[in-house]
Amino acid sequence: GKRIGVLVDHSGSDVVGKDIAMHIAASKPLCISESEVPADVLDKERDIAKAQAEASGKPAEIVEKMVLGKVNKFLKESTLLGQPFIKDDSLSVEKYLKGANASVTKFIRYEVGEGLEKRSENFADEVQKQIDDLKDKG
């Protein structure tokens, strides 16, 4: 299985901290709130939504509403506060935190192997390179 680690800087009880850490591990939010979503990520999502909406052949004012709807959906799904809380999906994480009188100021999510690039070298070529290197030294 996957190994995931989450660090959460929060105010509130240890139970709230554990619940939020479990939520982050499972739901992979990009950031805490909509205001923290990087502009380039938002622009890319808006461009994708616009291309999809324009391909539908609908009038411009409807295309604009479709783009707005898709961007808002993306923000809700990709921000911690906007996501449905994993233990009770009738609540958003934001509502859960308000009800628990808690807040999250920072989080970091790690996944084993995340960010690593697997080299795709041919084993025979790699062995030959080592042999050639040894010959050059000798």
Protein backbone atom coordinates (compact mmCIF):
# COMPACT_ATOMS: atom_id res chain seq x y z
CA GLY A 1 0.00 0.00 0.00
CA LYS A 2 0.87 3.66 -0.15
CA ARG A 3 2.57 5.41 2.73
CA ILE A 4 1.28 8.90 3.38
CA GLY A 5 2.30 11.38 6.07
CA VAL A 6 0.50 14.60 6.98
CA LEU A 7 1.55 17.45 9.28
CA VAL A 8 -1.19 19.89 10.31
CA ASP A 9 -0.73 23.20 12.13
CA HIS A 10 -4.12 23.82 13.73
CA SER A 11 -6.00 25.26 16.65
CA GLY A 12 -8.44 22.94 18.37
CA SER A 13 -8.39 19.52 19.98
CA ASP A 14 -6.11 16.61 19.12
CA VAL A 15 -9.18 14.77 17.79
CA VAL A 16 -9.84 17.60 15.32
CA GLY A 17 -6.17 17.58 14.29
CA LYS A 18 -6.26 13.83 13.69
CA ASP A 19 -9.55 14.05 11.75
CA ILE A 20 -8.20 16.83 9.54
CA ALA A 21 -4.89 14.98 8.98
CA MET A 22 -6.82 11.85 7.92
CA HIS A 23 -8.99 13.97 5.62
CA ILE A 24 -5.91 15.57 3.99
CA ALA A 25 -4.25 12.16 3.54
CA ALA A 26 -7.34 10.81 1.76
CA SER A 27 -8.51 13.87 -0.19
CA LYS A 28 -5.25 15.50 -1.36
CA PRO A 29 -6.28 19.18 -1.18
CA LEU A 30 -3.92 21.60 -2.98
CA CYS A 31 -4.19 24.28 -0.30
CA ILE A 32 -6.36 25.50 2.58
CA SER A 33 -8.58 28.11 0.92
CA GLU A 34 -9.50 29.45 -2.52
CA SER A 35 -7.33 32.54 -1.99
CA GLU A 36 -4.24 30.29 -1.78
CA VAL A 37 -4.75 28.55 -5.14
CA PRO A 38 -1.85 29.66 -7.39
CA ALA A 39 -2.95 31.98 -10.22
CA ASP A 40 -1.31 29.79 -12.89
CA VAL A 41 -3.27 26.72 -11.69
CA LEU A 42 -6.51 28.72 -11.73
CA ASP A 43 -5.76 30.11 -15.21
CA LYS A 44 -5.04 26.61 -16.53
CA GLU A 45 -8.34 25.27 -15.10
CA ARG A 46 -10.21 28.27 -16.55
CA ASP A 47 -8.63 27.66 -20.00
CA ILE A 48 -9.59 23.96 -19.91
CA ALA A 49 -13.14 24.79 -18.82
CA LYS A 50 -13.45 27.46 -21.53
CA ALA A 51 -12.25 25.09 -24.27
CA GLN A 52 -14.73 22.41 -23.13
CA ALA A 53 -17.59 24.92 -22.89
CA GLU A 54 -16.87 26.45 -26.30
CA ALA A 55 -16.78 22.97 -27.85
CA SER A 56 -20.40 22.51 -26.72
CA GLY A 57 -21.48 25.12 -29.29
CA LYS A 58 -23.64 27.04 -26.80
CA PRO A 59 -24.05 30.86 -26.87
CA ALA A 60 -21.30 33.02 -25.30
CA GLU A 61 -23.27 33.97 -22.16
CA ILE A 62 -23.98 30.30 -21.42
CA VAL A 63 -20.33 29.39 -22.11
CA GLU A 64 -19.29 32.01 -19.52
CA LYS A 65 -21.66 30.52 -16.92
CA MET A 66 -20.35 27.02 -17.70
CA VAL A 67 -16.75 28.20 -17.22
CA LEU A 68 -17.65 29.87 -13.91
CA GLY A 69 -19.41 26.70 -12.73
CA LYS A 70 -16.48 24.44 -13.63
CA VAL A 71 -13.93 26.75 -11.99
CA ASN A 72 -16.04 26.97 -8.82
CA LYS A 73 -16.35 23.17 -8.77
CA PHE A 74 -12.56 22.85 -9.14
CA LEU A 75 -12.00 25.29 -6.25
CA LYS A 76 -14.44 23.40 -4.04
CA GLU A 77 -12.81 20.03 -4.81
CA SER A 78 -9.20 21.18 -4.52
CA THR A 79 -9.24 23.37 -1.39
CA LEU A 80 -9.31 21.90 2.11
CA LEU A 81 -12.08 24.20 3.37
CA GLY A 82 -14.26 23.59 0.30
CA GLN A 83 -14.08 19.79 0.31
CA PRO A 84 -16.85 17.66 1.83
CA PHE A 85 -15.57 16.36 5.18
CA ILE A 86 -14.55 12.72 4.77
CA LYS A 87 -16.19 11.54 8.02
CA ASP A 88 -19.48 13.36 7.31
CA ASP A 89 -19.95 14.48 3.72
CA SER A 90 -23.02 16.55 4.63
CA LEU A 91 -20.49 19.03 6.08
CA SER A 92 -17.69 20.89 4.35
CA VAL A 93 -14.34 20.85 6.16
CA GLU A 94 -14.90 24.57 6.80
CA LYS A 95 -18.24 23.88 8.58
CA TYR A 96 -16.69 21.00 10.55
CA LEU A 97 -13.88 23.27 11.76
CA LYS A 98 -16.32 26.07 12.68
CA GLY A 99 -18.47 23.59 14.62
CA ALA A 100 -15.37 22.35 16.47
CA ASN A 101 -14.20 25.95 17.07
CA ALA A 102 -10.93 25.09 15.30
CA SER A 103 -8.86 26.30 12.36
CA VAL A 104 -6.02 25.09 10.14
CA THR A 105 -3.14 27.46 9.42
CA LYS A 106 -0.81 25.14 7.47
CA PHE A 107 -0.53 21.56 6.29
CA ILE A 108 2.00 19.43 4.46
CA ARG A 109 1.15 16.10 2.82
CA TYR A 110 3.86 13.61 1.89
CA GLU A 111 3.44 10.44 -0.14
CA VAL A 112 6.25 7.91 -0.49
CA GLY A 113 7.75 8.18 -3.97
CA GLU A 114 5.96 11.45 -4.73
CA GLY A 115 8.14 13.80 -6.75
CA LEU A 116 10.63 11.11 -7.72
CA GLU A 117 11.30 10.38 -11.35
CA LYS A 118 11.97 6.79 -12.24
CA ARG A 119 14.96 6.51 -14.52
CA SER A 120 14.30 4.42 -17.57
CA GLU A 121 17.76 3.27 -18.53
CA ASN A 122 18.38 0.02 -20.32
CA PHE A 123 20.20 -2.29 -17.90
CA ALA A 124 22.56 -3.63 -20.60
CA ASP A 125 23.49 -0.06 -21.62
CA GLU A 126 24.11 0.83 -17.97
CA VAL A 127 26.44 -2.19 -17.50
CA GLN A 128 28.28 -1.37 -20.75
CA LYS A 129 28.74 2.24 -19.58
CA GLN A 130 30.27 1.02 -16.30
CA ILE A 131 32.60 -1.35 -18.18
CA ASP A 132 33.66 1.48 -20.52
CA ASP A 133 34.27 3.76 -17.52
CA LEU A 134 36.47 1.08 -15.94
CA LYS A 135 38.43 0.63 -19.19
CA ASP A 136 39.00 4.40 -19.39
CA LYS A 137 40.42 4.41 -15.85
CA GLY A 138 42.62 1.33 -16.41
